[in-house]
Amino acid sequence: MRNMIKLWVLLSCVVVSSVALASADEEIKVTFWGFSADARMAMAKIVDPNGGNRVAVFTIPEGKMVTSRPFATEAQAKQIKKKLSKKYHISDAGKNSTQGPRGKITFFGILKGKYFVIMAMRGNRTAVFDKISAGKAPQVQLKEVWWSADGRSMVVIINKKKSSADYGFDIDTLRFYRYYPSALKFK
């Protein structure tokens, strides 16, 4: 009887650990590191155990990767950050806020069917800022909104999650924008 109990406990541990592993088969975490002096480029640290860790510089609003340097340790990442900051004039740490640059507009995200919609709200009126495919992610959230010092450039980090016994992921993605408040159509 004791052997049966030990076997049952062992099998339970194997099942629980395999479900825990499946809940994050793919995980990508993004840390925003700053804007260039002219707010036309942005730098981020990307931690991806499957694809490799890297520090990358992107153009705004195109989101084109200008350069990407791999790193193995945090010390290496900081060295790369220092070198790329000098080369690409990354000097603006940015401001992390869901409020617009003047504080009159608030940004938030909602999942609508197959799309994740970034909304802007002024008072009790809303406007669609962007509409992004949510893919197969049942959970999508607006994780961070970063603003350049001049309030013209915006970097958004969106988190997509799925947990299941078959396959799971927890992925941060970057979106790059030039911000023109007059283009928002509030209803």
Protein backbone atom coordinates (compact mmCIF):
# COMPACT_ATOMS: atom_id res chain seq x y z
CA MET A 1 0.00 0.00 0.00
CA ARG A 2 2.84 2.41 0.86
CA ASN A 3 4.45 1.77 -2.51
CA MET A 4 1.16 2.57 -4.26
CA ILE A 5 0.92 5.87 -2.36
CA LYS A 6 4.54 6.74 -3.23
CA LEU A 7 3.88 5.90 -6.88
CA TRP A 8 0.72 8.04 -6.90
CA VAL A 9 2.60 11.00 -5.32
CA LEU A 10 5.42 10.61 -7.86
CA LEU A 11 2.99 10.51 -10.79
CA SER A 12 1.12 13.55 -9.41
CA CYS A 13 4.39 15.50 -9.22
CA VAL A 14 5.26 14.56 -12.82
CA VAL A 15 1.81 15.64 -14.08
CA VAL A 16 1.90 18.92 -12.12
CA SER A 17 5.43 19.78 -13.29
CA SER A 18 4.60 19.00 -16.93
CA VAL A 19 1.53 21.28 -16.77
CA ALA A 20 3.65 24.01 -15.16
CA LEU A 21 6.23 23.72 -17.95
CA ALA A 22 3.53 23.82 -20.62
CA SER A 23 2.10 27.03 -19.20
CA ALA A 24 5.14 28.99 -20.42
CA ASP A 25 6.60 27.09 -23.39
CA GLU A 26 7.48 30.40 -24.97
CA GLU A 27 8.37 33.48 -22.96
CA ILE A 28 9.66 36.82 -24.22
CA LYS A 29 10.11 39.78 -21.86
CA VAL A 30 10.82 43.32 -23.06
CA THR A 31 12.33 46.16 -21.05
CA PHE A 32 12.20 49.63 -22.61
CA TRP A 33 15.53 51.49 -22.31
CA GLY A 34 15.02 54.87 -23.94
CA PHE A 35 14.55 57.19 -26.91
CA SER A 36 17.11 58.92 -29.10
CA ALA A 37 17.57 62.67 -28.66
CA ASP A 38 15.34 63.34 -31.71
CA ALA A 39 12.80 60.69 -30.58
CA ARG A 40 13.09 58.86 -33.92
CA MET A 41 14.67 55.72 -32.41
CA ALA A 42 14.09 53.60 -29.32
CA MET A 43 16.16 50.99 -27.51
CA ALA A 44 14.91 47.91 -25.66
CA LYS A 45 16.28 44.84 -23.91
CA ILE A 46 14.65 41.62 -25.10
CA VAL A 47 14.95 38.46 -22.99
CA ASP A 48 14.04 35.42 -25.08
CA PRO A 49 15.30 32.02 -23.84
CA ASN A 50 14.39 30.39 -27.18
CA GLY A 51 15.51 33.08 -29.63
CA GLY A 52 18.37 34.60 -27.63
CA ASN A 53 18.69 37.66 -25.41
CA ARG A 54 19.49 40.93 -27.16
CA VAL A 55 19.59 44.68 -26.94
CA ALA A 56 17.96 46.25 -29.99
CA VAL A 57 17.44 49.71 -31.48
CA PHE A 58 14.30 50.38 -33.56
CA THR A 59 13.08 53.24 -35.75
CA ILE A 60 9.91 55.13 -34.85
CA PRO A 61 7.19 54.76 -36.19
CA GLU A 62 8.24 52.00 -38.61
CA GLY A 63 9.51 49.65 -35.90
CA LYS A 64 12.38 48.57 -38.14
CA MET A 65 15.24 47.01 -36.19
CA VAL A 66 18.35 49.13 -36.85
CA THR A 67 20.70 46.92 -34.85
CA SER A 68 20.55 44.01 -32.45
CA ARG A 69 23.35 42.80 -30.18
CA PRO A 70 23.20 39.51 -28.25
CA PHE A 71 24.10 39.29 -24.57
CA ALA A 72 24.53 36.48 -22.04
CA THR A 73 24.71 38.40 -18.74
CA GLU A 74 23.20 41.59 -17.32
CA ALA A 75 26.69 43.12 -17.20
CA GLN A 76 27.07 42.52 -20.95
CA ALA A 77 23.62 44.01 -21.58
CA LYS A 78 24.59 47.16 -19.70
CA GLN A 79 27.84 47.46 -21.70
CA ILE A 80 25.91 47.09 -24.95
CA LYS A 81 23.36 49.66 -23.73
CA LYS A 82 26.16 52.13 -23.06
CA LYS A 83 27.76 51.61 -26.51
CA LEU A 84 24.50 51.75 -28.45
CA SER A 85 23.32 54.78 -26.45
CA LYS A 86 26.43 56.64 -27.55
CA LYS A 87 26.24 55.49 -31.19
CA TYR A 88 22.49 56.16 -31.65
CA HIS A 89 22.20 59.12 -29.24
CA ILE A 90 19.81 57.32 -26.87
CA SER A 91 19.64 59.94 -24.13
CA ASP A 92 15.93 60.22 -23.23
CA ALA A 93 14.88 57.61 -20.64
CA GLY A 94 11.24 58.32 -21.47
CA LYS A 95 8.24 58.54 -19.17
CA ASN A 96 6.15 55.45 -18.39
CA SER A 97 2.53 56.61 -18.24
CA THR A 98 -0.85 55.71 -19.70
CA GLN A 99 -1.61 59.45 -19.65
CA GLY A 100 -0.85 61.44 -22.78
CA PRO A 101 1.94 64.05 -22.68
CA ARG A 102 -0.41 66.83 -21.53
CA GLY A 103 -2.35 64.59 -19.14
CA LYS A 104 -5.69 65.10 -20.88
CA ILE A 105 -5.87 61.75 -22.70
CA THR A 106 -5.66 58.29 -21.13
CA PHE A 107 -4.73 55.16 -23.07
CA PHE A 108 -6.02 51.67 -22.34
CA GLY A 109 -6.50 48.39 -24.17
CA ILE A 110 -9.47 46.10 -24.67
CA LEU A 111 -9.84 42.72 -26.33
CA LYS A 112 -12.58 42.78 -29.00
CA GLY A 113 -12.98 39.42 -30.69
CA LYS A 114 -9.78 38.65 -32.63
CA TYR A 115 -8.36 42.14 -32.03
CA PHE A 116 -6.68 44.03 -29.24
CA VAL A 117 -7.76 47.65 -29.50
CA ILE A 118 -5.72 50.48 -28.00
CA MET A 119 -8.19 53.17 -27.01
CA ALA A 120 -7.73 56.82 -26.09
CA MET A 121 -10.11 58.48 -23.66
CA ARG A 122 -10.64 62.20 -23.05
CA GLY A 123 -13.28 62.90 -20.43
CA ASN A 124 -16.06 60.43 -21.19
CA ARG A 125 -15.33 60.24 -24.94
CA THR A 126 -13.21 57.52 -26.56
CA ALA A 127 -11.31 57.05 -29.81
CA VAL A 128 -9.62 54.05 -31.39
CA PHE A 129 -5.87 54.63 -31.43
CA ASP A 130 -4.81 51.29 -32.99
CA LYS A 131 -6.25 47.86 -33.71
CA ILE A 132 -3.91 44.85 -33.48
CA SER A 133 -4.52 41.18 -34.18
CA ALA A 134 -4.61 39.29 -30.88
CA GLY A 135 -3.77 35.99 -32.57
CA LYS A 136 -4.64 33.01 -30.40
CA ALA A 137 -4.00 34.79 -27.11
CA PRO A 138 -6.96 34.71 -24.73
CA GLN A 139 -5.30 37.30 -22.48
CA VAL A 140 -3.87 40.50 -23.94
CA GLN A 141 -3.05 43.61 -21.97
CA LEU A 142 -1.47 47.01 -22.40
CA LYS A 143 1.59 46.49 -20.22
CA GLU A 144 3.45 49.81 -20.56
CA VAL A 145 3.21 53.07 -22.51
CA TRP A 146 6.44 55.08 -22.86
CA TRP A 147 6.60 58.71 -23.99
CA SER A 148 9.53 60.68 -25.35
CA ALA A 149 10.39 63.97 -23.64
CA ASP A 150 8.85 65.99 -26.50
CA GLY A 151 5.62 63.96 -26.33
CA ARG A 152 5.78 63.10 -30.05
CA SER A 153 6.98 59.49 -29.88
CA MET A 154 5.30 56.64 -28.08
CA VAL A 155 6.38 53.03 -27.47
CA VAL A 156 3.79 50.54 -26.27
CA ILE A 157 4.55 47.14 -24.74
CA ILE A 158 1.71 44.66 -25.16
CA ASN A 159 1.64 41.38 -23.26
CA LYS A 160 -0.04 38.28 -24.72
CA LYS A 161 -0.64 35.19 -22.57
CA LYS A 162 -2.02 31.74 -23.00
CA SER A 163 -1.88 28.91 -20.48
CA SER A 164 -2.95 25.39 -21.33
CA ALA A 165 -1.82 21.82 -20.86
CA ASP A 166 -0.76 21.63 -24.53
CA TYR A 167 1.09 24.88 -25.08
CA GLY A 168 1.47 28.17 -23.30
CA PHE A 169 3.14 31.51 -23.89
CA ASP A 170 3.82 34.80 -22.17
CA ILE A 171 5.09 37.23 -24.79
CA ASP A 172 5.77 40.97 -24.71
CA THR A 173 5.63 42.78 -28.06
CA LEU A 174 6.65 46.32 -28.98
CA ARG A 175 4.67 48.85 -31.01
CA PHE A 176 6.08 52.22 -32.13
CA TYR A 177 4.10 55.36 -32.86
CA ARG A 178 4.41 59.04 -33.69
CA TYR A 179 1.71 60.73 -31.63
CA TYR A 180 -0.66 63.19 -33.28
CA PRO A 181 -3.56 63.93 -30.91
CA SER A 182 -5.45 65.84 -33.61
CA ALA A 183 -5.75 62.59 -35.61
CA LEU A 184 -7.84 60.97 -32.85
CA LYS A 185 -11.55 60.91 -33.63
CA PHE A 186 -13.36 61.00 -30.28
CA LYS A 187 -16.97 59.84 -30.06
